[in-house]
C-alpha atoms as a PDB file:
ATOM      1  CA  UNK A   1       8.754  94.009  75.479  1.00  0.00           C
ATOM      2  CA  UNK A   2      11.286  96.464  76.870  1.00  0.00           C
ATOM      3  CA  UNK A   3      14.391  94.765  75.470  1.00  0.00           C
ATOM      4  CA  UNK A   4      15.618  95.358  71.973  1.00  0.00           C
ATOM      5  CA  UNK A   5      17.274  92.692  69.854  1.00  0.00           C
ATOM      6  CA  UNK A   6      20.384  93.198  67.762  1.00  0.00           C
ATOM      7  CA  UNK A   7      18.186  93.758  64.694  1.00  0.00           C
ATOM      8  CA  UNK A   8      16.495  96.752  66.292  1.00  0.00           C
ATOM      9  CA  UNK A   9      19.855  98.381  67.046  1.00  0.00           C
ATOM     10  CA  UNK A  10      21.159  97.677  63.539  1.00  0.00           C
ATOM     11  CA  UNK A  11      18.115  99.341  62.004  1.00  0.00           C
ATOM     12  CA  UNK A  12      18.519 102.366  64.284  1.00  0.00           C
ATOM     13  CA  UNK A  13      22.223 102.574  63.364  1.00  0.00           C
ATOM     14  CA  UNK A  14      21.395 102.372  59.650  1.00  0.00           C
ATOM     15  CA  UNK A  15      18.828 105.180  59.956  1.00  0.00           C
ATOM     16  CA  UNK A  16      21.281 107.382  61.896  1.00  0.00           C
ATOM     17  CA  UNK A  17      23.962 106.831  59.221  1.00  0.00           C
ATOM     18  CA  UNK A  18      21.484 107.650  56.472  1.00  0.00           C
ATOM     19  CA  UNK A  19      20.317 110.852  58.200  1.00  0.00           C
ATOM     20  CA  UNK A  20      23.665 112.256  59.345  1.00  0.00           C
ATOM     21  CA  UNK A  21      26.151 110.625  56.981  1.00  0.00           C
ATOM     22  CA  UNK A  22      29.450 109.017  57.898  1.00  0.00           C
ATOM     23  CA  UNK A  23      31.483 112.241  57.576  1.00  0.00           C
ATOM     24  CA  UNK A  24      29.439 114.120  60.177  1.00  0.00           C
ATOM     25  CA  UNK A  25      29.495 111.127  62.522  1.00  0.00           C
ATOM     26  CA  UNK A  26      33.285 110.896  62.134  1.00  0.00           C
ATOM     27  CA  UNK A  27      33.658 114.603  62.937  1.00  0.00           C
ATOM     28  CA  UNK A  28      31.319 114.239  65.913  1.00  0.00           C
ATOM     29  CA  UNK A  29      33.395 111.346  67.244  1.00  0.00           C
ATOM     30  CA  UNK A  30      36.617 113.337  66.858  1.00  0.00           C
ATOM     31  CA  UNK A  31      35.111 116.354  68.601  1.00  0.00           C
ATOM     32  CA  UNK A  32      33.835 114.199  71.442  1.00  0.00           C
ATOM     33  CA  UNK A  33      37.251 112.534  71.827  1.00  0.00           C
ATOM     34  CA  UNK A  34      38.966 115.924  71.905  1.00  0.00           C
ATOM     35  CA  UNK A  35      36.543 117.171  74.538  1.00  0.00           C
ATOM     36  CA  UNK A  36      37.185 114.136  76.735  1.00  0.00           C
ATOM     37  CA  UNK A  37      40.951 114.571  76.347  1.00  0.00           C
ATOM     38  CA  UNK A  38      40.697 118.259  77.219  1.00  0.00           C
ATOM     39  CA  UNK A  39      38.600 117.437  80.276  1.00  0.00           C
ATOM     40  CA  UNK A  40      41.156 114.882  81.482  1.00  0.00           C
ATOM     41  CA  UNK A  41      44.013 117.347  80.986  1.00  0.00           C
ATOM     42  CA  UNK A  42      42.061 120.027  82.824  1.00  0.00           C
ATOM     43  CA  UNK A  43      41.416 117.710  85.744  1.00  0.00           C
ATOM     44  CA  UNK A  44      45.092 116.781  85.867  1.00  0.00           C
ATOM     45  CA  UNK A  45      46.308 120.389  85.714  1.00  0.00           C
ATOM     46  CA  UNK A  46      43.473 121.837  87.804  1.00  0.00           C
ATOM     47  CA  UNK A  47      44.755 120.648  91.169  1.00  0.00           C
ATOM     48  CA  UNK A  48      47.219 122.951  92.880  1.00  0.00           C
ATOM     49  CA  UNK A  49      49.850 121.760  95.258  1.00  0.00           C
ATOM     50  CA  UNK A  50      50.828 123.508  98.500  1.00  0.00           C
ATOM     51  CA  UNK A  51      54.269 124.175  96.943  1.00  0.00           C
ATOM     52  CA  UNK A  52      52.699 126.629  94.482  1.00  0.00           C
ATOM     53  CA  UNK A  53      53.233 130.152  95.761  1.00  0.00           C
ATOM     54  CA  UNK A  54      51.850 133.318  94.189  1.00  0.00           C
ATOM     55  CA  UNK A  55      54.267 135.834  92.697  1.00  0.00           C
ATOM     56  CA  UNK A  56      55.485 138.480  95.128  1.00  0.00           C
ATOM     57  CA  UNK A  57      53.842 141.909  94.748  1.00  0.00           C
ATOM     58  CA  UNK A  58      55.607 144.613  92.754  1.00  0.00           C
ATOM     59  CA  UNK A  59      57.601 147.134  94.766  1.00  0.00           C
ATOM     60  CA  UNK A  60      55.622 150.251  95.666  1.00  0.00           C
ATOM     61  CA  UNK A  61      58.339 152.579  94.271  1.00  0.00           C
ATOM     62  CA  UNK A  62      58.001 151.090  90.769  1.00  0.00           C
ATOM     63  CA  UNK A  63      54.218 151.455  90.782  1.00  0.00           C
ATOM     64  CA  UNK A  64      54.304 155.009  92.133  1.00  0.00           C
ATOM     65  CA  UNK A  65      56.738 156.132  89.407  1.00  0.00           C
ATOM     66  CA  UNK A  66      54.203 155.503  86.619  1.00  0.00           C
ATOM     67  CA  UNK A  67      51.484 158.171  86.684  1.00  0.00           C
ATOM     68  CA  UNK A  68      49.171 156.206  84.347  1.00  0.00           C
ATOM     69  CA  UNK A  69      48.932 153.172  86.655  1.00  0.00           C
ATOM     70  CA  UNK A  70      45.794 152.566  88.688  1.00  0.00           C
ATOM     71  CA  UNK A  71      46.488 150.955  92.029  1.00  0.00           C
ATOM     72  CA  UNK A  72      44.219 147.984  92.693  1.00  0.00           C
ATOM     73  CA  UNK A  73      44.280 145.049  95.030  1.00  0.00           C
ATOM     74  CA  UNK A  74      43.864 141.539  93.645  1.00  0.00           C
ATOM     75  CA  UNK A  75      42.123 138.982  95.820  1.00  0.00           C
ATOM     76  CA  UNK A  76      42.359 135.257  95.051  1.00  0.00           C
ATOM     77  CA  UNK A  77      39.344 133.000  95.481  1.00  0.00           C
ATOM     78  CA  UNK A  78      39.880 130.292  98.008  1.00  0.00           C
END
């Protein structure tokens, strides 16, 4: 009691294949693999190094020349 034999798992696998079909399970596996790959890439690219510097602000004369521009201040989260 509490441990399943290989026959139990094979029966469960057979029922899952019958309910969902092999095409949906293949698509689910591909989607899951893509999500894992995207997560790994995000973790790799997510870290910033101290060498990264933000872009310098635009000169005040260029902003003042355009009458349709709204002057706002951007604050970065840290």
